[in-house]
Amino acid sequence: MPTAQYEAIFQQVAVLLQKYAPQPGPIHDGTELINDLGFDSLKVMEMLNDVEDVFDITYPLNTLSDMQTVKDLTTQIQRIIETS
């Protein structure tokens, strides 16, 4: 069961992702950034800049290969916030 903090982060992430998605649509945990939202490497980097600004974090670029779904991104943001 996701925590309240996870849900709050997820809601903010979903809003950010809508900004970069070529076509608006529902975003859920299993939504894939590349296959479902059509992100390319440039969009991912632009989106991460916004993520860092909104959450006041530094996203480790060495974990990008692990970020495939919205859940992956949200969980990583939550980890960074919790360890800060």
PDB file of N, CA and C in Angstrom:
ATOM      1  N   MET A   1       0.846  -1.186   0.000  1.00  0.00           N
ATOM      2  CA  MET A   1       0.000   0.000   0.000  1.00  0.00           C
ATOM      3  C   MET A   1       0.887   1.243   0.000  1.00  0.00           C
ATOM      4  N   PRO A   2       0.734   2.105  -0.971  1.00  0.00           N
ATOM      5  CA  PRO A   2       1.572   3.317  -1.016  1.00  0.00           C
ATOM      6  C   PRO A   2       1.318   4.223   0.188  1.00  0.00           C
ATOM      7  N   THR A   3       2.358   4.885   0.604  1.00  0.00           N
ATOM      8  CA  THR A   3       2.235   5.806   1.729  1.00  0.00           C
ATOM      9  C   THR A   3       1.626   7.127   1.267  1.00  0.00           C
ATOM     10  N   ALA A   4       1.223   7.930   2.251  1.00  0.00           N
ATOM     11  CA  ALA A   4       0.659   9.241   1.933  1.00  0.00           C
ATOM     12  C   ALA A   4       1.699  10.100   1.224  1.00  0.00           C
ATOM     13  N   GLN A   5       2.975   9.987   1.661  1.00  0.00           N
ATOM     14  CA  GLN A   5       4.024  10.768   1.016  1.00  0.00           C
ATOM     15  C   GLN A   5       4.189  10.335  -0.444  1.00  0.00           C
ATOM     16  N   TYR A   6       4.146   9.037  -0.689  1.00  0.00           N
ATOM     17  CA  TYR A   6       4.246   8.539  -2.062  1.00  0.00           C
ATOM     18  C   TYR A   6       3.120   9.117  -2.905  1.00  0.00           C
ATOM     19  N   GLU A   7       1.899   9.089  -2.386  1.00  0.00           N
ATOM     20  CA  GLU A   7       0.747   9.595  -3.135  1.00  0.00           C
ATOM     21  C   GLU A   7       0.895  11.085  -3.449  1.00  0.00           C
ATOM     22  N   ALA A   8       1.388  11.853  -2.487  1.00  0.00           N
ATOM     23  CA  ALA A   8       1.576  13.293  -2.709  1.00  0.00           C
ATOM     24  C   ALA A   8       2.630  13.529  -3.783  1.00  0.00           C
ATOM     25  N   ILE A   9       3.721  12.773  -3.724  1.00  0.00           N
ATOM     26  CA  ILE A   9       4.781  12.896  -4.734  1.00  0.00           C
ATOM     27  C   ILE A   9       4.237  12.478  -6.090  1.00  0.00           C
ATOM     28  N   PHE A  10       3.490  11.372  -6.117  1.00  0.00           N
ATOM     29  CA  PHE A  10       2.930  10.878  -7.374  1.00  0.00           C
ATOM     30  C   PHE A  10       2.042  11.930  -8.039  1.00  0.00           C
ATOM     31  N   GLN A  11       1.223  12.607  -7.248  1.00  0.00           N
ATOM     32  CA  GLN A  11       0.336  13.621  -7.814  1.00  0.00           C
ATOM     33  C   GLN A  11       1.132  14.749  -8.473  1.00  0.00           C
ATOM     34  N   GLN A  12       2.208  15.182  -7.823  1.00  0.00           N
ATOM     35  CA  GLN A  12       3.041  16.247  -8.397  1.00  0.00           C
ATOM     36  C   GLN A  12       3.774  15.749  -9.644  1.00  0.00           C
ATOM     37  N   VAL A  13       4.243  14.517  -9.601  1.00  0.00           N
ATOM     38  CA  VAL A  13       4.938  13.937 -10.754  1.00  0.00           C
ATOM     39  C   VAL A  13       3.971  13.830 -11.933  1.00  0.00           C
ATOM     40  N   ALA A  14       2.754  13.399 -11.685  1.00  0.00           N
ATOM     41  CA  ALA A  14       1.776  13.259 -12.767  1.00  0.00           C
ATOM     42  C   ALA A  14       1.510  14.600 -13.448  1.00  0.00           C
ATOM     43  N   VAL A  15       1.423  15.658 -12.668  1.00  0.00           N
ATOM     44  CA  VAL A  15       1.213  16.998 -13.236  1.00  0.00           C
ATOM     45  C   VAL A  15       2.412  17.384 -14.100  1.00  0.00           C
ATOM     46  N   LEU A  16       3.614  17.133 -13.592  1.00  0.00           N
ATOM     47  CA  LEU A  16       4.827  17.453 -14.367  1.00  0.00           C
ATOM     48  C   LEU A  16       4.880  16.655 -15.669  1.00  0.00           C
ATOM     49  N   LEU A  17       4.550  15.388 -15.599  1.00  0.00           N
ATOM     50  CA  LEU A  17       4.628  14.541 -16.791  1.00  0.00           C
ATOM     51  C   LEU A  17       3.625  14.973 -17.845  1.00  0.00           C
ATOM     52  N   GLN A  18       2.458  15.425 -17.426  1.00  0.00           N
ATOM     53  CA  GLN A  18       1.456  15.901 -18.398  1.00  0.00           C
ATOM     54  C   GLN A  18       2.017  17.058 -19.222  1.00  0.00           C
ATOM     55  N   LYS A  19       2.858  17.865 -18.595  1.00  0.00           N
ATOM     56  CA  LYS A  19       3.461  19.007 -19.284  1.00  0.00           C
ATOM     57  C   LYS A  19       4.339  18.548 -20.458  1.00  0.00           C
ATOM     58  N   TYR A  20       4.962  17.395 -20.309  1.00  0.00           N
ATOM     59  CA  TYR A  20       5.888  16.905 -21.331  1.00  0.00           C
ATOM     60  C   TYR A  20       5.299  15.838 -22.246  1.00  0.00           C
ATOM     61  N   ALA A  21       4.174  15.267 -21.876  1.00  0.00           N
ATOM     62  CA  ALA A  21       3.564  14.219 -22.698  1.00  0.00           C
ATOM     63  C   ALA A  21       3.011  14.825 -23.982  1.00  0.00           C
ATOM     64  N   PRO A  22       3.295  14.206 -25.124  1.00  0.00           N
ATOM     65  CA  PRO A  22       2.809  14.747 -26.391  1.00  0.00           C
ATOM     66  C   PRO A  22       1.286  14.776 -26.472  1.00  0.00           C
ATOM     67  N   GLN A  23       0.622  13.815 -25.853  1.00  0.00           N
ATOM     68  CA  GLN A  23      -0.827  13.783 -25.850  1.00  0.00           C
ATOM     69  C   GLN A  23      -1.300  13.590 -24.413  1.00  0.00           C
ATOM     70  N   PRO A  24      -2.170  14.451 -23.926  1.00  0.00           N
ATOM     71  CA  PRO A  24      -2.650  14.288 -22.561  1.00  0.00           C
ATOM     72  C   PRO A  24      -3.412  12.981 -22.403  1.00  0.00           C
ATOM     73  N   GLY A  25      -3.275  12.402 -21.258  1.00  0.00           N
ATOM     74  CA  GLY A  25      -3.979  11.160 -20.971  1.00  0.00           C
ATOM     75  C   GLY A  25      -3.732  10.777 -19.534  1.00  0.00           C
ATOM     76  N   PRO A  26      -4.397   9.724 -19.099  1.00  0.00           N
ATOM     77  CA  PRO A  26      -4.222   9.313 -17.711  1.00  0.00           C
ATOM     78  C   PRO A  26      -2.801   8.807 -17.452  1.00  0.00           C
ATOM     79  N   ILE A  27      -2.294   9.164 -16.286  1.00  0.00           N
ATOM     80  CA  ILE A  27      -0.972   8.701 -15.868  1.00  0.00           C
ATOM     81  C   ILE A  27      -1.156   7.921 -14.578  1.00  0.00           C
ATOM     82  N   HIS A  28      -0.642   6.712 -14.565  1.00  0.00           N
ATOM     83  CA  HIS A  28      -0.726   5.881 -13.371  1.00  0.00           C
ATOM     84  C   HIS A  28       0.645   5.282 -13.086  1.00  0.00           C
ATOM     85  N   ASP A  29       0.760   4.527 -12.001  1.00  0.00           N
ATOM     86  CA  ASP A  29       2.052   3.958 -11.591  1.00  0.00           C
ATOM     87  C   ASP A  29       2.755   3.187 -12.709  1.00  0.00           C
ATOM     88  N   GLY A  30       2.003   2.429 -13.465  1.00  0.00           N
ATOM     89  CA  GLY A  30       2.595   1.573 -14.484  1.00  0.00           C
ATOM     90  C   GLY A  30       2.849   2.249 -15.818  1.00  0.00           C
ATOM     91  N   THR A  31       2.504   3.514 -15.939  1.00  0.00           N
ATOM     92  CA  THR A  31       2.737   4.236 -17.189  1.00  0.00           C
ATOM     93  C   THR A  31       4.230   4.281 -17.479  1.00  0.00           C
ATOM     94  N   GLU A  32       4.604   3.848 -18.676  1.00  0.00           N
ATOM     95  CA  GLU A  32       6.018   3.852 -19.066  1.00  0.00           C
ATOM     96  C   GLU A  32       6.357   5.180 -19.724  1.00  0.00           C
ATOM     97  N   LEU A  33       7.475   5.752 -19.303  1.00  0.00           N
ATOM     98  CA  LEU A  33       7.872   7.071 -19.786  1.00  0.00           C
ATOM     99  C   LEU A  33       8.150   7.064 -21.281  1.00  0.00           C
ATOM    100  N   ILE A  34       8.804   6.034 -21.779  1.00  0.00           N
ATOM    101  CA  ILE A  34       9.174   5.997 -23.198  1.00  0.00           C
ATOM    102  C   ILE A  34       8.046   5.406 -24.043  1.00  0.00           C
ATOM    103  N   ASN A  35       7.584   4.205 -23.691  1.00  0.00           N
ATOM    104  CA  ASN A  35       6.586   3.525 -24.519  1.00  0.00           C
ATOM    105  C   ASN A  35       5.215   4.179 -24.480  1.00  0.00           C
ATOM    106  N   ASP A  36       4.770   4.611 -23.302  1.00  0.00           N
ATOM    107  CA  ASP A  36       3.422   5.168 -23.181  1.00  0.00           C
ATOM    108  C   ASP A  36       3.364   6.678 -23.392  1.00  0.00           C
ATOM    109  N   LEU A  37       4.370   7.392 -22.877  1.00  0.00           N
ATOM    110  CA  LEU A  37       4.348   8.857 -22.971  1.00  0.00           C
ATOM    111  C   LEU A  37       5.187   9.395 -24.123  1.00  0.00           C
ATOM    112  N   GLY A  38       5.976   8.536 -24.759  1.00  0.00           N
ATOM    113  CA  GLY A  38       6.752   8.962 -25.916  1.00  0.00           C
ATOM    114  C   GLY A  38       7.937   9.850 -25.586  1.00  0.00           C
ATOM    115  N   PHE A  39       8.457   9.720 -24.370  1.00  0.00           N
ATOM    116  CA  PHE A  39       9.610  10.543 -23.982  1.00  0.00           C
ATOM    117  C   PHE A  39      10.863  10.077 -24.706  1.00  0.00           C
ATOM    118  N   ASP A  40      11.687  11.042 -25.087  1.00  0.00           N
ATOM    119  CA  ASP A  40      13.025  10.730 -25.573  1.00  0.00           C
ATOM    120  C   ASP A  40      14.012  11.237 -24.531  1.00  0.00           C
ATOM    121  N   SER A  41      15.290  11.059 -24.786  1.00  0.00           N
ATOM    122  CA  SER A  41      16.291  11.425 -23.776  1.00  0.00           C
ATOM    123  C   SER A  41      16.256  12.917 -23.450  1.00  0.00           C
ATOM    124  N   LEU A  42      15.989  13.757 -24.422  1.00  0.00           N
ATOM    125  CA  LEU A  42      15.922  15.197 -24.171  1.00  0.00           C
ATOM    126  C   LEU A  42      14.736  15.533 -23.262  1.00  0.00           C
ATOM    127  N   LYS A  43      13.588  14.938 -23.539  1.00  0.00           N
ATOM    128  CA  LYS A  43      12.413  15.194 -22.692  1.00  0.00           C
ATOM    129  C   LYS A  43      12.644  14.695 -21.271  1.00  0.00           C
ATOM    130  N   VAL A  44      13.301  13.563 -21.140  1.00  0.00           N
ATOM    131  CA  VAL A  44      13.594  13.035 -19.801  1.00  0.00           C
ATOM    132  C   VAL A  44      14.467  14.020 -19.037  1.00  0.00           C
ATOM    133  N   MET A  45      15.489  14.562 -19.678  1.00  0.00           N
ATOM    134  CA  MET A  45      16.386  15.504 -19.001  1.00  0.00           C
ATOM    135  C   MET A  45      15.652  16.802 -18.645  1.00  0.00           C
ATOM    136  N   GLU A  46      14.820  17.308 -19.545  1.00  0.00           N
ATOM    137  CA  GLU A  46      14.042  18.517 -19.255  1.00  0.00           C
ATOM    138  C   GLU A  46      13.087  18.272 -18.087  1.00  0.00           C
ATOM    139  N   MET A  47      12.425  17.122 -18.105  1.00  0.00           N
ATOM    140  CA  MET A  47      11.503  16.772 -17.036  1.00  0.00           C
ATOM    141  C   MET A  47      12.242  16.642 -15.702  1.00  0.00           C
ATOM    142  N   LEU A  48      13.431  16.039 -15.728  1.00  0.00           N
ATOM    143  CA  LEU A  48      14.201  15.892 -14.492  1.00  0.00           C
ATOM    144  C   LEU A  48      14.632  17.242 -13.930  1.00  0.00           C
ATOM    145  N   ASN A  49      14.921  18.200 -14.793  1.00  0.00           N
ATOM    146  CA  ASN A  49      15.235  19.548 -14.307  1.00  0.00           C
ATOM    147  C   ASN A  49      14.054  20.112 -13.525  1.00  0.00           C
ATOM    148  N   ASP A  50      12.849  19.922 -14.056  1.00  0.00           N
ATOM    149  CA  ASP A  50      11.658  20.382 -13.342  1.00  0.00           C
ATOM    150  C   ASP A  50      11.459  19.611 -12.043  1.00  0.00           C
ATOM    151  N   VAL A  51      11.683  18.310 -12.073  1.00  0.00           N
ATOM    152  CA  VAL A  51      11.558  17.483 -10.866  1.00  0.00           C
ATOM    153  C   VAL A  51      12.501  17.999  -9.784  1.00  0.00           C
ATOM    154  N   GLU A  52      13.725  18.278 -10.166  1.00  0.00           N
ATOM    155  CA  GLU A  52      14.706  18.780  -9.193  1.00  0.00           C
ATOM    156  C   GLU A  52      14.268  20.121  -8.619  1.00  0.00           C
ATOM    157  N   ASP A  53      13.716  20.984  -9.444  1.00  0.00           N
ATOM    158  CA  ASP A  53      13.246  22.289  -8.965  1.00  0.00           C
ATOM    159  C   ASP A  53      12.037  22.153  -8.043  1.00  0.00           C
ATOM    160  N   VAL A  54      11.064  21.363  -8.446  1.00  0.00           N
ATOM    161  CA  VAL A  54       9.830  21.229  -7.682  1.00  0.00           C
ATOM    162  C   VAL A  54      10.088  20.585  -6.316  1.00  0.00           C
ATOM    163  N   PHE A  55      10.915  19.545  -6.299  1.00  0.00           N
ATOM    164  CA  PHE A  55      11.145  18.805  -5.057  1.00  0.00           C
ATOM    165  C   PHE A  55      12.407  19.252  -4.317  1.00  0.00           C
ATOM    166  N   ASP A  56      13.143  20.191  -4.901  1.00  0.00           N
ATOM    167  CA  ASP A  56      14.376  20.695  -4.303  1.00  0.00           C
ATOM    168  C   ASP A  56      15.340  19.552  -3.982  1.00  0.00           C
ATOM    169  N   ILE A  57      15.597  18.724  -5.005  1.00  0.00           N
ATOM    170  CA  ILE A  57      16.495  17.576  -4.869  1.00  0.00           C
ATOM    171  C   ILE A  57      17.468  17.564  -6.040  1.00  0.00           C
ATOM    172  N   THR A  58      18.441  16.681  -5.954  1.00  0.00           N
ATOM    173  CA  THR A  58      19.316  16.394  -7.085  1.00  0.00           C
ATOM    174  C   THR A  58      19.084  14.945  -7.464  1.00  0.00           C
ATOM    175  N   TYR A  59      18.605  14.717  -8.672  1.00  0.00           N
ATOM    176  CA  TYR A  59      18.307  13.363  -9.133  1.00  0.00           C
ATOM    177  C   TYR A  59      19.589  12.741  -9.655  1.00  0.00           C
ATOM    178  N   PRO A  60      20.001  11.589  -9.129  1.00  0.00           N
ATOM    179  CA  PRO A  60      21.254  10.967  -9.566  1.00  0.00           C
ATOM    180  C   PRO A  60      21.138  10.414 -10.987  1.00  0.00           C
ATOM    181  N   LEU A  61      21.935  10.937 -11.886  1.00  0.00           N
ATOM    182  CA  LEU A  61      21.856  10.531 -13.289  1.00  0.00           C
ATOM    183  C   LEU A  61      22.240   9.071 -13.495  1.00  0.00           C
ATOM    184  N   ASN A  62      23.016   8.510 -12.575  1.00  0.00           N
ATOM    185  CA  ASN A  62      23.413   7.114 -12.731  1.00  0.00           C
ATOM    186  C   ASN A  62      22.248   6.153 -12.492  1.00  0.00           C
ATOM    187  N   THR A  63      21.104   6.645 -12.053  1.00  0.00           N
ATOM    188  CA  THR A  63      19.931   5.789 -11.853  1.00  0.00           C
ATOM    189  C   THR A  63      18.918   5.918 -12.997  1.00  0.00           C
ATOM    190  N   LEU A  64      19.258   6.676 -14.015  1.00  0.00           N
ATOM    191  CA  LEU A  64      18.311   6.877 -15.122  1.00  0.00           C
ATOM    192  C   LEU A  64      17.915   5.571 -15.797  1.00  0.00           C
ATOM    193  N   SER A  65      18.832   4.632 -15.895  1.00  0.00           N
ATOM    194  CA  SER A  65      18.505   3.373 -16.567  1.00  0.00           C
ATOM    195  C   SER A  65      17.472   2.561 -15.783  1.00  0.00           C
ATOM    196  N   ASP A  66      17.310   2.853 -14.492  1.00  0.00           N
ATOM    197  CA  ASP A  66      16.321   2.164 -13.674  1.00  0.00           C
ATOM    198  C   ASP A  66      14.947   2.818 -13.752  1.00  0.00           C
ATOM    199  N   MET A  67      14.858   3.978 -14.376  1.00  0.00           N
ATOM    200  CA  MET A  67      13.613   4.737 -14.427  1.00  0.00           C
ATOM    201  C   MET A  67      12.862   4.422 -15.721  1.00  0.00           C
ATOM    202  N   GLN A  68      11.925   3.496 -15.617  1.00  0.00           N
ATOM    203  CA  GLN A  68      11.128   3.147 -16.787  1.00  0.00           C
ATOM    204  C   GLN A  68       9.668   3.547 -16.640  1.00  0.00           C
ATOM    205  N   THR A  69       9.154   3.442 -15.429  1.00  0.00           N
ATOM    206  CA  THR A  69       7.742   3.757 -15.200  1.00  0.00           C
ATOM    207  C   THR A  69       7.604   4.967 -14.278  1.00  0.00           C
ATOM    208  N   VAL A  70       6.396   5.467 -14.190  1.00  0.00           N
ATOM    209  CA  VAL A  70       6.110   6.579 -13.282  1.00  0.00           C
ATOM    210  C   VAL A  70       6.381   6.140 -11.839  1.00  0.00           C
ATOM    211  N   LYS A  71       6.072   4.898 -11.524  1.00  0.00           N
ATOM    212  CA  LYS A  71       6.342   4.379 -10.177  1.00  0.00           C
ATOM    213  C   LYS A  71       7.841   4.410  -9.877  1.00  0.00           C
ATOM    214  N   ASP A  72       8.679   4.019 -10.841  1.00  0.00           N
ATOM    215  CA  ASP A  72      10.131   4.061 -10.646  1.00  0.00           C
ATOM    216  C   ASP A  72      10.585   5.472 -10.308  1.00  0.00           C
ATOM    217  N   LEU A  73      10.109   6.440 -11.064  1.00  0.00           N
ATOM    218  CA  LEU A  73      10.478   7.830 -10.850  1.00  0.00           C
ATOM    219  C   LEU A  73       9.989   8.321  -9.491  1.00  0.00           C
ATOM    220  N   THR A  74       8.734   8.046  -9.174  1.00  0.00           N
ATOM    221  CA  THR A  74       8.161   8.503  -7.910  1.00  0.00           C
ATOM    222  C   THR A  74       8.873   7.877  -6.718  1.00  0.00           C
ATOM    223  N   THR A  75       9.155   6.588  -6.795  1.00  0.00           N
ATOM    224  CA  THR A  75       9.847   5.889  -5.707  1.00  0.00           C
ATOM    225  C   THR A  75      11.246   6.457  -5.499  1.00  0.00           C
ATOM    226  N   GLN A  76      11.947   6.744  -6.584  1.00  0.00           N
ATOM    227  CA  GLN A  76      13.297   7.313  -6.467  1.00  0.00           C
ATOM    228  C   GLN A  76      13.247   8.704  -5.836  1.00  0.00           C
ATOM    229  N   ILE A  77      12.291   9.515  -6.236  1.00  0.00           N
ATOM    230  CA  ILE A  77      12.140  10.844  -5.637  1.00  0.00           C
ATOM    231  C   ILE A  77      11.871  10.704  -4.140  1.00  0.00           C
ATOM    232  N   GLN A  78      10.983   9.774  -3.785  1.00  0.00           N
ATOM    233  CA  GLN A  78      10.667   9.562  -2.371  1.00  0.00           C
ATOM    234  C   GLN A  78      11.929   9.155  -1.594  1.00  0.00           C
ATOM    235  N   ARG A  79      12.733   8.257  -2.150  1.00  0.00           N
ATOM    236  CA  ARG A  79      13.982   7.836  -1.494  1.00  0.00           C
ATOM    237  C   ARG A  79      14.923   9.020  -1.272  1.00  0.00           C
ATOM    238  N   ILE A  80      15.056   9.846  -2.303  1.00  0.00           N
ATOM    239  CA  ILE A  80      15.960  11.005  -2.205  1.00  0.00           C
ATOM    240  C   ILE A  80      15.461  11.945  -1.109  1.00  0.00           C
ATOM    241  N   ILE A  81      14.169  12.203  -1.076  1.00  0.00           N
ATOM    242  CA  ILE A  81      13.606  13.103  -0.065  1.00  0.00           C
ATOM    243  C   ILE A  81      13.810  12.523   1.331  1.00  0.00           C
ATOM    244  N   GLU A  82      13.576  11.227   1.493  1.00  0.00           N
ATOM    245  CA  GLU A  82      13.702  10.603   2.802  1.00  0.00           C
ATOM    246  C   GLU A  82      15.136  10.556   3.317  1.00  0.00           C
ATOM    247  N   THR A  83      16.102  10.521   2.403  1.00  0.00           N
ATOM    248  CA  THR A  83      17.502  10.451   2.830  1.00  0.00           C
ATOM    249  C   THR A  83      18.168  11.817   2.891  1.00  0.00           C
ATOM    250  N   SER A  84      17.425  12.850   2.557  1.00  0.00           N
ATOM    251  CA  SER A  84      17.995  14.198   2.596  1.00  0.00           C
ATOM    252  C   SER A  84      17.948  14.773   3.984  1.00  0.00           C
TER     253      SER A  84
END
